[in-house]
Protein backbone atom coordinates (compact mmCIF):
# COMPACT_ATOMS: atom_id res chain seq x y z
CA UNK A 1 26.90 -106.98 -104.87
CA UNK A 2 28.09 -106.54 -101.47
CA UNK A 3 31.14 -104.72 -102.51
CA UNK A 4 28.89 -102.25 -104.55
CA UNK A 5 26.53 -102.02 -101.45
CA UNK A 6 29.32 -101.45 -99.44
CA UNK A 7 30.78 -98.72 -101.53
CA UNK A 8 27.41 -97.03 -101.63
CA UNK A 9 27.09 -97.08 -97.88
CA UNK A 10 30.20 -95.68 -97.38
CA UNK A 11 29.76 -92.92 -99.91
CA UNK A 12 26.17 -92.05 -98.31
CA UNK A 13 27.57 -91.82 -94.88
CA UNK A 14 30.36 -89.49 -96.29
CA UNK A 15 27.86 -87.13 -98.04
CA UNK A 16 25.63 -87.06 -95.11
CA UNK A 17 28.62 -85.73 -93.01
CA UNK A 18 29.60 -83.57 -95.54
CA UNK A 19 26.24 -81.61 -95.79
CA UNK A 20 25.87 -81.73 -92.30
CA UNK A 21 29.46 -80.06 -91.88
CA UNK A 22 28.46 -77.79 -94.60
CA UNK A 23 25.32 -76.57 -92.83
CA UNK A 24 27.19 -76.26 -89.63
CA UNK A 25 29.59 -73.99 -91.19
CA UNK A 26 26.82 -71.63 -92.02
CA UNK A 27 25.38 -71.98 -88.72
CA UNK A 28 28.67 -71.24 -86.71
CA UNK A 29 29.53 -68.09 -88.76
CA UNK A 30 25.75 -66.78 -88.44
CA UNK A 31 25.73 -67.53 -84.79
CA UNK A 32 29.08 -65.97 -84.12
CA UNK A 33 28.49 -62.43 -86.28
CA UNK A 34 24.71 -62.40 -85.97
CA UNK A 35 22.51 -61.78 -88.90
CA UNK A 36 21.87 -57.89 -88.24
CA UNK A 37 25.17 -56.30 -89.41
CA UNK A 38 25.04 -54.98 -93.05
CA UNK A 39 28.53 -56.82 -93.90
CA UNK A 40 27.40 -60.41 -93.10
CA UNK A 41 24.30 -59.54 -95.49
CA UNK A 42 26.65 -58.30 -98.15
CA UNK A 43 28.87 -61.49 -97.50
CA UNK A 44 25.98 -63.77 -98.02
CA UNK A 45 24.76 -61.70 -101.29
CA UNK A 46 27.96 -61.90 -102.59
CA UNK A 47 28.38 -65.79 -102.30
CA UNK A 48 25.36 -66.22 -104.37
CA UNK A 49 27.13 -65.58 -107.63
CA UNK A 50 29.40 -68.54 -107.38
CA UNK A 51 26.66 -70.66 -106.36
CA UNK A 52 24.88 -69.80 -109.39
CA UNK A 53 27.67 -71.81 -111.41
CA UNK A 54 28.22 -74.23 -108.92
CA UNK A 55 24.33 -75.56 -109.34
CA UNK A 56 24.32 -74.94 -113.22
CA UNK A 57 27.47 -76.50 -113.85
CA UNK A 58 26.92 -79.46 -111.34
CA UNK A 59 23.57 -80.36 -113.20
CA UNK A 60 25.07 -80.04 -116.69
CA UNK A 61 28.26 -81.99 -115.91
CA UNK A 62 26.37 -84.68 -114.23
CA UNK A 63 23.75 -85.14 -116.80
CA UNK A 64 25.79 -84.87 -120.21
CA UNK A 65 29.41 -84.17 -120.03
CA UNK A 66 30.18 -87.21 -117.55
CA UNK A 67 28.05 -89.73 -119.10
CA UNK A 68 29.93 -89.16 -122.44
CA UNK A 69 33.44 -89.56 -120.88
CA UNK A 70 32.03 -92.68 -118.77
CA UNK A 71 30.74 -94.00 -122.28
CA UNK A 72 34.02 -93.79 -123.86
CA UNK A 73 35.71 -95.36 -121.19
CA UNK A 74 33.34 -98.40 -120.81
CA UNK A 75 33.68 -98.84 -124.78
CA UNK A 76 37.37 -99.46 -124.16
CA UNK A 77 38.16 -96.00 -126.15
CA UNK A 78 40.27 -94.47 -123.08
CA UNK A 79 42.46 -92.09 -125.62
CA UNK A 80 39.20 -90.66 -126.67
CA UNK A 81 37.89 -90.02 -123.16
CA UNK A 82 41.04 -88.78 -121.98
CA UNK A 83 40.92 -86.37 -124.83
CA UNK A 84 37.42 -85.49 -124.28
CA UNK A 85 38.66 -84.48 -120.45
CA UNK A 86 41.38 -82.41 -121.53
CA UNK A 87 38.85 -80.30 -123.96
CA UNK A 88 36.43 -80.20 -120.94
CA UNK A 89 38.74 -79.02 -118.46
CA UNK A 90 40.42 -76.46 -120.78
CA UNK A 91 37.35 -75.03 -122.22
CA UNK A 92 35.87 -75.04 -118.85
CA UNK A 93 38.74 -73.15 -117.23
CA UNK A 94 38.73 -70.57 -120.05
CA UNK A 95 34.85 -69.97 -120.17
CA UNK A 96 34.85 -69.47 -116.00
CA UNK A 97 37.76 -67.42 -116.41
CA UNK A 98 36.17 -64.99 -118.84
CA UNK A 99 33.12 -65.07 -116.30
CA UNK A 100 35.25 -64.20 -113.37
CA UNK A 101 36.86 -61.55 -115.31
CA UNK A 102 33.36 -59.97 -116.45
CA UNK A 103 32.11 -60.32 -113.10
CA UNK A 104 35.11 -58.45 -111.76
CA UNK A 105 34.92 -55.67 -114.12
CA UNK A 106 31.00 -55.78 -113.44
CA UNK A 107 31.36 -55.63 -109.74
CA UNK A 108 30.84 -51.89 -108.94
CA UNK A 109 27.37 -52.11 -111.06
CA UNK A 110 25.86 -55.26 -109.05
CA UNK A 111 25.39 -53.50 -105.85
CA UNK A 112 23.47 -50.47 -107.48
CA UNK A 113 20.41 -52.92 -107.69
CA UNK A 114 20.47 -53.26 -103.93
CA UNK A 115 19.87 -51.07 -100.94
CA UNK A 116 23.94 -51.35 -100.31
CA UNK A 117 24.72 -48.78 -102.87
CA UNK A 118 22.70 -46.02 -100.48
CA UNK A 119 26.10 -45.95 -98.09
CA UNK A 120 29.49 -45.38 -99.71
CA UNK A 121 30.97 -47.97 -96.94
CA UNK A 122 28.44 -50.61 -97.82
CA UNK A 123 28.71 -50.16 -101.36
CA UNK A 124 32.61 -50.52 -101.45
CA UNK A 125 32.47 -53.38 -99.08
CA UNK A 126 30.07 -54.84 -101.64
CA UNK A 127 32.25 -54.45 -104.39
CA UNK A 128 35.09 -55.91 -102.67
CA UNK A 129 33.21 -59.18 -101.40
CA UNK A 130 32.07 -59.70 -105.29
CA UNK A 131 35.37 -59.38 -106.57
CA UNK A 132 36.78 -61.68 -103.95
CA UNK A 133 34.01 -64.50 -104.52
CA UNK A 134 33.94 -64.63 -108.57
CA UNK A 135 37.16 -66.71 -108.83
CA UNK A 136 35.43 -69.43 -106.79
CA UNK A 137 33.39 -70.09 -110.15
CA UNK A 138 36.62 -71.57 -111.76
CA UNK A 139 37.32 -73.99 -108.99
CA UNK A 140 33.39 -75.05 -108.77
CA UNK A 141 33.91 -75.99 -112.74
CA UNK A 142 36.94 -77.99 -112.03
CA UNK A 143 35.70 -79.50 -108.74
CA UNK A 144 32.80 -81.17 -110.81
CA UNK A 145 34.66 -82.02 -113.79
CA UNK A 146 37.44 -83.93 -111.42
CA UNK A 147 34.54 -85.40 -109.41
CA UNK A 148 32.99 -86.77 -112.79
CA UNK A 149 36.30 -88.31 -114.07
CA UNK A 150 37.21 -89.87 -110.66
CA UNK A 151 33.56 -91.31 -110.43
CA UNK A 152 33.82 -92.79 -114.14
CA UNK A 153 36.88 -94.74 -112.93
CA UNK A 154 35.08 -96.09 -109.71
CA UNK A 155 36.47 -93.79 -107.32
CA UNK A 156 33.74 -92.54 -105.23
CA UNK A 157 35.07 -91.69 -101.89
CA UNK A 158 37.19 -88.60 -102.39
CA UNK A 159 34.24 -86.77 -104.38
CA UNK A 160 31.86 -87.20 -101.75
CA UNK A 161 34.49 -85.73 -99.07
CA UNK A 162 35.38 -82.72 -100.88
CA UNK A 163 33.20 -80.03 -98.90
CA UNK A 164 34.46 -81.41 -95.59
CA UNK A 165 37.70 -79.71 -95.49
CA UNK A 166 36.21 -76.71 -97.00
CA UNK A 167 33.56 -76.39 -94.17
CA UNK A 168 36.25 -77.49 -91.74
CA UNK A 169 38.52 -74.08 -92.96
CA UNK A 170 35.56 -71.70 -92.39
CA UNK A 171 34.64 -73.28 -88.91
CA UNK A 172 38.20 -72.91 -88.16
CA UNK A 173 38.32 -69.39 -89.19
CA UNK A 174 35.61 -68.26 -87.37
CA UNK A 175 36.53 -69.83 -84.10
CA UNK A 176 40.37 -69.08 -84.09
CA UNK A 177 40.45 -65.87 -86.20
CA UNK A 178 36.82 -64.50 -86.29
CA UNK A 179 37.13 -61.94 -83.53
CA UNK A 180 40.43 -60.52 -85.05
CA UNK A 181 39.68 -60.31 -89.08
CA UNK A 182 35.94 -60.14 -88.84
CA UNK A 183 33.72 -60.51 -91.99
CA UNK A 184 36.45 -59.38 -94.43
CA UNK A 185 38.60 -62.16 -93.21
CA UNK A 186 35.56 -64.58 -93.67
CA UNK A 187 35.63 -63.75 -97.32
CA UNK A 188 39.27 -64.41 -97.86
CA UNK A 189 38.63 -67.77 -95.59
CA UNK A 190 35.64 -68.68 -98.01
CA UNK A 191 37.74 -68.07 -101.11
CA UNK A 192 40.39 -70.35 -99.82
CA UNK A 193 37.96 -72.93 -98.29
CA UNK A 194 35.83 -73.35 -101.62
CA UNK A 195 39.11 -73.45 -103.79
CA UNK A 196 40.06 -76.58 -101.89
CA UNK A 197 37.22 -78.54 -103.21
CA UNK A 198 38.78 -78.59 -106.54
CA UNK A 199 42.62 -78.87 -105.31
CA UNK A 200 42.09 -81.81 -103.11
CA UNK A 201 41.00 -83.79 -106.18
CA UNK A 202 44.17 -83.48 -107.87
CA UNK A 203 46.10 -86.30 -105.78
CA UNK A 204 43.35 -88.92 -106.17
CA UNK A 205 43.69 -88.12 -110.03
CA UNK A 206 47.15 -88.77 -109.97
CA UNK A 207 46.56 -92.18 -108.91
CA UNK A 208 44.75 -92.97 -112.30
CA UNK A 209 45.98 -93.75 -115.80
CA UNK A 210 44.73 -89.91 -116.68
CA UNK A 211 46.93 -87.05 -117.14
CA UNK A 212 45.75 -83.57 -118.13
CA UNK A 213 47.38 -82.37 -121.29
CA UNK A 214 46.05 -78.84 -122.44
CA UNK A 215 43.62 -78.95 -125.40
CA UNK A 216 41.33 -76.49 -126.77
CA UNK A 217 39.75 -78.46 -129.53
CA UNK A 218 36.10 -76.84 -129.53
CA UNK A 219 35.30 -78.86 -132.90
CA UNK A 220 35.67 -82.02 -131.27
CA UNK A 221 32.91 -84.60 -131.98
CA UNK A 222 32.01 -85.03 -128.38
CA UNK A 223 32.36 -81.50 -127.51
CA UNK A 224 30.00 -80.75 -130.00
CA UNK A 225 27.77 -83.51 -128.90
CA UNK A 226 28.13 -82.02 -125.36
CA UNK A 227 27.22 -78.66 -126.18
CA UNK A 228 24.16 -79.53 -128.34
CA UNK A 229 22.60 -81.32 -125.41
CA UNK A 230 23.99 -79.02 -122.49
CA UNK A 231 22.21 -75.72 -123.64
CA UNK A 232 18.76 -76.62 -122.82
CA UNK A 233 20.18 -78.36 -119.43
CA UNK A 234 21.82 -75.22 -118.63
CA UNK A 235 18.52 -73.14 -119.09
CA UNK A 236 16.31 -75.53 -117.12
CA UNK A 237 18.70 -75.83 -114.21
CA UNK A 238 19.34 -72.27 -114.13
CA UNK A 239 15.98 -71.68 -112.74
CA UNK A 240 16.43 -72.68 -109.13
CA UNK A 241 19.67 -70.61 -108.58
CA UNK A 242 18.44 -67.73 -110.29
CA UNK A 243 15.37 -67.98 -108.45
CA UNK A 244 17.07 -68.19 -105.23
CA UNK A 245 19.39 -65.32 -106.68
CA UNK A 246 16.33 -63.13 -107.21
CA UNK A 247 14.94 -63.74 -103.99
CA UNK A 248 18.01 -62.72 -102.48
CA UNK A 249 18.13 -59.63 -104.43
CA UNK A 250 14.79 -58.68 -103.34
CA UNK A 251 15.80 -59.15 -99.69
CA UNK A 252 18.53 -56.81 -100.28
CA UNK A 253 16.33 -54.06 -100.96
CA UNK A 254 13.93 -54.61 -97.97
CA UNK A 255 14.57 -52.44 -94.95
CA UNK A 256 18.14 -51.69 -94.61
CA UNK A 257 19.02 -54.95 -96.49
CA UNK A 258 19.63 -56.99 -93.56
CA UNK A 259 17.33 -59.75 -94.14
CA UNK A 260 19.63 -61.44 -96.80
CA UNK A 261 21.58 -63.80 -94.57
CA UNK A 262 18.20 -65.17 -92.58
CA UNK A 263 16.87 -65.94 -96.12
CA UNK A 264 19.53 -67.43 -97.35
CA UNK A 265 20.06 -69.58 -94.02
CA UNK A 266 16.61 -70.72 -94.06
CA UNK A 267 16.89 -71.48 -97.97
CA UNK A 268 20.08 -73.76 -97.33
CA UNK A 269 18.37 -75.24 -94.28
CA UNK A 270 15.25 -76.71 -96.44
CA UNK A 271 17.40 -77.50 -99.38
CA UNK A 272 20.12 -79.43 -97.49
CA UNK A 273 17.70 -81.72 -95.59
CA UNK A 274 15.61 -82.05 -98.46
CA UNK A 275 17.79 -82.11 -101.66
CA UNK A 276 20.26 -84.76 -99.85
CA UNK A 277 17.05 -87.22 -100.06
CA UNK A 278 15.73 -86.09 -103.29
CA UNK A 279 19.28 -86.55 -104.87
CA UNK A 280 19.80 -89.75 -103.44
CA UNK A 281 16.65 -91.37 -104.86
CA UNK A 282 17.08 -89.44 -108.46
CA UNK A 283 20.92 -90.94 -108.35
CA UNK A 284 19.53 -94.45 -108.47
CA UNK A 285 16.30 -93.96 -110.31
CA UNK A 286 18.08 -91.98 -113.53
CA UNK A 287 19.99 -94.93 -114.78
CA UNK A 288 17.12 -97.08 -114.51
CA UNK A 289 14.54 -94.76 -116.35
CA UNK A 290 17.43 -94.19 -118.98
CA UNK A 291 17.76 -98.26 -119.31
CA UNK A 292 13.94 -98.55 -119.59
CA UNK A 293 13.78 -95.85 -122.13
CA UNK A 294 16.60 -97.15 -124.27
CA UNK A 295 14.77 -100.59 -124.41
CA UNK A 296 11.56 -98.94 -125.03
CA UNK A 297 9.84 -100.47 -122.29
CA UNK A 298 7.15 -97.82 -121.81
CA UNK A 299 5.16 -99.79 -119.67
CA UNK A 300 7.65 -100.73 -117.35
CA UNK A 301 9.09 -97.12 -117.36
CA UNK A 302 5.61 -95.68 -116.18
CA UNK A 303 5.62 -97.96 -113.23
CA UNK A 304 9.04 -97.09 -112.39
CA UNK A 305 8.24 -93.30 -112.47
CA UNK A 306 4.78 -93.61 -110.48
CA UNK A 307 6.79 -95.67 -108.03
CA UNK A 308 9.48 -93.12 -107.49
CA UNK A 309 6.72 -90.40 -107.50
CA UNK A 310 5.12 -92.28 -104.88
CA UNK A 311 8.52 -92.53 -102.50
CA UNK A 312 8.28 -88.58 -103.02
CA UNK A 313 5.35 -87.91 -101.64
CA UNK A 314 5.60 -90.51 -99.04
CA UNK A 315 8.65 -88.81 -97.58
CA UNK A 316 8.07 -85.20 -98.74
CA UNK A 317 4.83 -84.56 -97.59
CA UNK A 318 5.25 -85.22 -93.86
CA UNK A 319 8.58 -83.50 -94.14
CA UNK A 320 6.55 -80.44 -95.12
CA UNK A 321 4.20 -81.00 -91.96
CA UNK A 322 7.25 -81.31 -89.99
CA UNK A 323 9.40 -78.35 -90.88
CA UNK A 324 5.83 -76.26 -89.92
CA UNK A 325 5.29 -77.96 -86.80
CA UNK A 326 8.67 -77.68 -85.40
CA UNK A 327 9.98 -74.76 -87.07
CA UNK A 328 10.95 -72.86 -84.01
CA UNK A 329 12.44 -75.68 -81.92
CA UNK A 330 14.50 -76.57 -84.91
CA UNK A 331 15.73 -73.16 -85.29
CA UNK A 332 16.24 -72.44 -81.53
CA UNK A 333 18.15 -75.74 -81.31
CA UNK A 334 20.37 -75.07 -84.31
CA UNK A 335 20.90 -71.21 -84.88
CA UNK A 336 19.46 -69.59 -81.73
CA UNK A 337 22.78 -68.86 -79.80
CA UNK A 338 25.06 -66.08 -79.35
CA UNK A 339 23.97 -63.04 -81.87
CA UNK A 340 21.14 -64.78 -83.03
CA UNK A 341 18.34 -63.27 -81.40
CA UNK A 342 14.74 -64.72 -80.52
CA UNK A 343 13.34 -62.26 -82.91
CA UNK A 344 15.36 -63.33 -85.67
CA UNK A 345 14.20 -67.16 -84.71
CA UNK A 346 10.54 -65.67 -84.96
CA UNK A 347 11.30 -64.07 -88.48
CA UNK A 348 13.22 -67.34 -89.74
CA UNK A 349 10.31 -69.51 -88.41
CA UNK A 350 7.78 -68.04 -90.83
CA UNK A 351 10.27 -67.96 -93.53
CA UNK A 352 10.80 -71.59 -93.00
CA UNK A 353 7.05 -72.50 -92.73
CA UNK A 354 6.68 -70.58 -96.37
CA UNK A 355 9.48 -72.47 -97.73
CA UNK A 356 8.28 -75.85 -96.63
CA UNK A 357 5.03 -75.59 -98.65
CA UNK A 358 7.35 -76.03 -102.09
CA UNK A 359 9.05 -79.21 -100.72
CA UNK A 360 6.96 -81.49 -102.54
CA UNK A 361 7.28 -79.52 -105.69
CA UNK A 362 11.14 -79.71 -105.74
CA UNK A 363 11.14 -83.46 -105.52
CA UNK A 364 8.55 -84.24 -108.07
CA UNK A 365 10.08 -81.89 -110.41
CA UNK A 366 13.60 -83.66 -110.02
CA UNK A 367 12.02 -86.97 -110.85
CA UNK A 368 10.10 -85.74 -113.89
CA UNK A 369 13.48 -83.73 -115.01
CA UNK A 370 15.14 -87.22 -115.07
CA UNK A 371 12.12 -88.94 -116.63
CA UNK A 372 12.56 -86.42 -119.55
CA UNK A 373 16.34 -86.42 -119.64
CA UNK A 374 16.11 -90.53 -120.18
CA UNK A 375 13.70 -90.13 -123.13
CA UNK A 376 16.46 -87.72 -124.57
CA UNK A 377 14.18 -84.53 -124.04
CA UNK A 378 16.00 -82.08 -122.39
CA UNK A 379 13.56 -79.26 -123.84
CA UNK A 380 10.62 -79.65 -121.73
CA UNK A 381 12.45 -79.13 -118.45
CA UNK A 382 13.93 -76.03 -119.87
CA UNK A 383 10.71 -74.64 -120.84
CA UNK A 384 9.70 -75.39 -117.21
CA UNK A 385 12.72 -73.67 -115.70
CA UNK A 386 11.64 -70.67 -117.50
CA UNK A 387 8.03 -70.72 -116.38
CA UNK A 388 9.25 -71.31 -112.97
CA UNK A 389 11.27 -68.10 -112.75
CA UNK A 390 8.39 -65.93 -114.48
CA UNK A 391 6.02 -67.04 -111.78
CA UNK A 392 8.36 -66.63 -109.00
CA UNK A 393 9.22 -63.16 -110.03
CA UNK A 394 5.67 -62.11 -110.72
CA UNK A 395 4.27 -63.38 -107.60
CA UNK A 396 6.80 -62.14 -105.29
CA UNK A 397 6.57 -58.67 -106.84
CA UNK A 398 2.81 -58.81 -106.62
CA UNK A 399 3.14 -59.91 -102.95
CA UNK A 400 5.98 -57.94 -101.51
CA UNK A 401 3.91 -54.61 -100.93
CA UNK A 402 1.36 -56.48 -98.70
CA UNK A 403 3.76 -59.23 -96.75
CA UNK A 404 6.97 -57.72 -97.24
CA UNK A 405 9.78 -60.50 -97.20
CA UNK A 406 7.44 -63.41 -96.32
CA UNK A 407 6.14 -62.78 -100.02
CA UNK A 408 9.57 -64.27 -101.19
CA UNK A 409 9.49 -67.80 -99.86
CA UNK A 410 5.59 -67.91 -100.82
CA UNK A 411 6.34 -67.08 -104.18
CA UNK A 412 9.08 -69.72 -104.59
CA UNK A 413 6.81 -72.31 -103.12
CA UNK A 414 3.79 -71.48 -105.48
CA UNK A 415 6.40 -71.11 -108.68
CA UNK A 416 8.16 -74.67 -107.84
CA UNK A 417 4.58 -76.30 -107.22
CA UNK A 418 3.31 -74.98 -110.48
CA UNK A 419 6.28 -76.08 -112.60
CA UNK A 420 6.24 -79.32 -110.87
CA UNK A 421 2.26 -79.94 -111.85
CA UNK A 422 2.80 -78.26 -115.38
CA UNK A 423 6.14 -80.75 -116.11
CA UNK A 424 4.09 -84.00 -114.60
CA UNK A 425 1.14 -83.22 -117.19
CA UNK A 426 3.68 -82.71 -120.00
CA UNK A 427 5.19 -86.18 -119.04
CA UNK A 428 1.68 -87.86 -119.08
CA UNK A 429 0.91 -86.17 -122.43
CA UNK A 430 4.26 -87.48 -123.82
CA UNK A 431 4.04 -91.17 -122.71
CA UNK A 432 0.17 -91.60 -121.70
CA UNK A 433 -1.32 -92.04 -118.30
CA UNK A 434 0.96 -93.64 -115.61
CA UNK A 435 -1.21 -94.30 -112.79
CA UNK A 436 -2.47 -90.70 -111.75
CA UNK A 437 -5.68 -92.08 -110.05
CA UNK A 438 -3.72 -94.84 -107.84
CA UNK A 439 -1.00 -92.04 -106.70
CA UNK A 440 -4.20 -89.77 -105.85
CA UNK A 441 -5.41 -92.45 -103.61
CA UNK A 442 -1.95 -93.03 -102.03
CA UNK A 443 -1.56 -89.12 -101.78
CA UNK A 444 -4.97 -89.09 -99.61
CA UNK A 445 -3.93 -91.69 -97.38
CA UNK A 446 -0.63 -89.86 -96.65
CA UNK A 447 -2.40 -86.40 -95.95
CA UNK A 448 -4.81 -88.54 -93.71
CA UNK A 449 -1.76 -89.86 -91.81
CA UNK A 450 0.38 -86.37 -91.89
CA UNK A 451 -3.03 -85.05 -90.34
CA UNK A 452 -2.67 -87.76 -87.60
CA UNK A 453 0.84 -87.22 -87.11
CA UNK A 454 0.35 -83.31 -86.73
CA UNK A 455 -2.24 -83.69 -83.95
CA UNK A 456 0.31 -85.51 -82.05
CA UNK A 457 3.12 -83.33 -82.60
CA UNK A 458 1.18 -80.09 -81.77
CA UNK A 459 -0.16 -81.96 -78.51
CA UNK A 460 3.41 -82.67 -77.53
CA UNK A 461 4.80 -79.24 -78.24
CA UNK A 462 2.10 -77.66 -76.05
CA UNK A 463 2.74 -80.14 -73.22
CA UNK A 464 6.65 -79.67 -73.29
CA UNK A 465 6.25 -76.06 -73.40
CA UNK A 466 4.98 -76.15 -70.03
CA UNK A 467 8.68 -77.77 -69.11
CA UNK A 468 11.93 -76.29 -68.69
CA UNK A 469 15.07 -78.20 -68.31
CA UNK A 470 18.13 -76.84 -66.56
CA UNK A 471 20.58 -77.11 -69.27
CA UNK A 472 19.55 -74.91 -72.26
CA UNK A 473 21.14 -77.25 -74.89
CA UNK A 474 19.29 -80.64 -73.44
CA UNK A 475 16.13 -78.47 -72.92
CA UNK A 476 15.81 -77.36 -76.74
CA UNK A 477 17.20 -80.92 -78.10
CA UNK A 478 14.28 -82.59 -76.16
CA UNK A 479 11.78 -79.87 -77.31
CA UNK A 480 12.49 -81.12 -80.91
CA UNK A 481 13.62 -84.41 -80.90
CA UNK A 482 10.80 -85.84 -78.64
CA UNK A 483 7.66 -84.40 -81.27
CA UNK A 484 9.70 -84.97 -83.93
CA UNK A 485 10.73 -88.60 -83.08
CA UNK A 486 7.24 -89.53 -82.11
CA UNK A 487 5.45 -87.87 -84.81
CA UNK A 488 7.87 -90.15 -87.34
CA UNK A 489 6.75 -93.35 -85.51
CA UNK A 490 3.25 -92.20 -85.51
CA UNK A 491 3.18 -91.45 -89.42
CA UNK A 492 4.98 -94.57 -90.18
CA UNK A 493 2.06 -96.56 -88.28
CA UNK A 494 -0.80 -94.78 -89.69
CA UNK A 495 0.68 -95.29 -93.45
CA UNK A 496 1.15 -99.09 -92.36
CA UNK A 497 -2.43 -99.25 -90.86
CA UNK A 498 -3.43 -97.82 -94.21
CA UNK A 499 -1.46 -100.23 -96.18
CA UNK A 500 1.03 -97.73 -98.11
CA UNK A 501 3.50 -99.92 -100.28
CA UNK A 502 6.40 -97.92 -98.80
CA UNK A 503 5.61 -98.42 -95.21
CA UNK A 504 4.52 -101.98 -95.39
CA UNK A 505 7.85 -102.87 -97.44
CA UNK A 506 9.91 -101.37 -94.36
CA UNK A 507 7.84 -103.28 -91.96
CA UNK A 508 8.24 -106.71 -93.86
CA UNK A 509 11.75 -106.05 -94.10
CA UNK A 510 12.34 -105.05 -90.15
CA UNK A 511 10.18 -107.90 -89.25
CA UNK A 512 12.21 -110.54 -91.96
CA UNK A 513 15.40 -109.28 -90.28
CA UNK A 514 14.22 -109.32 -86.47
CA UNK A 515 13.17 -113.17 -87.09
CA UNK A 516 16.56 -113.91 -88.79
CA UNK A 517 18.42 -112.56 -85.31
CA UNK A 518 16.23 -114.91 -83.33
């Protein structure tokens, strides 16, 4: 047990460092190149295409392909597991290679849907950027497959480590070569950096018994099983990246197409912060849901779903309030340097507030998705994915004439909240009531605690705004950390007084630990 806990702890630390460095690389090149040049916005636009494959392949492989491989290993059928891995690697490589070739051929058409087509230099740069970025899809697919094989064999550290070298390459390029080669060089550096995510997993794979042998047997029993399950998951998991890509495409048509980078930066800031928590919870919850569903223990299954949903609300509602309250302080500290102007910070802070409104929806949807997957139902999440896309597109187009770029994050938040609500109702219909009234009472207490927290944070921000510390970095850090830190303490204290289980459990554990040390 201690060994398992130690492994989980190490992996979590590596993952947090990886995410921080990934965000750091975005912050570095955004601050260095600014957000107003068309080239940096085209770079950000072009990067969205491989990111769609990254998200969709990741979810599909994690949910369907890797469990089949792991199941064969656990049943002692290594030969079947390895043959399945051979087929998956070969077929995925062929599939993404075809996608890459199609992308390269269609690259001249894609910028025609943006403002970049109105200027020949911008158009030519966009076509070049897209053609450089498309091959990343091949390495993204291999990255996820290699990660899954290693994790199934109990090797977790390197899969968690993969983004660290790629982020370091991007940061290193900007610092040492950015002035000389500019954004064109950043495109090549990004291709090299993201390719390493798959390549650095080859040495760890060679330490295992598995050896890849080319195999293209698409009629293999396990491949057919995977394809049958994976199609609805691909549809469902495509909703998030396609929504974001739609948002970026809309942004590329506003003004001179110079809002893409700021919009993407804010998206990444919210998703990096929130999804790290959400995925750490669902990674633990999904196996438990699956085990209870396989035993047909619906009563305990409902309790488990309710408990995880309560945790999501407990952490994500104050996160929403926090993002809105300290939006300017947060952006000033992490990106408000060099060429990222005060006007950029002001614009980004409003976008951040609007994206933050959808944070709870993101968490609830991911939990309920896993509940459906554990019940062997992949259709409901796929249907909701389509609904979210339709709602997002419709509201975006409706709001754009009135509030311009601000309509993009607002539409996304409304769509994800709508999807989460409908999906939860569908789960209730499938398994029966699972404590909705109890959850509503807890949410009321959480909202009350958030109001108290918000009042304290708002007052602190107002007081601190009257002070200026001599060192800019220290000034900005204090104006973010003090309100955020004290706000978190006030929130925890309020929820403890209101006897919310999550707060009481944490307090009791800390109390027991303190008594042991004494």
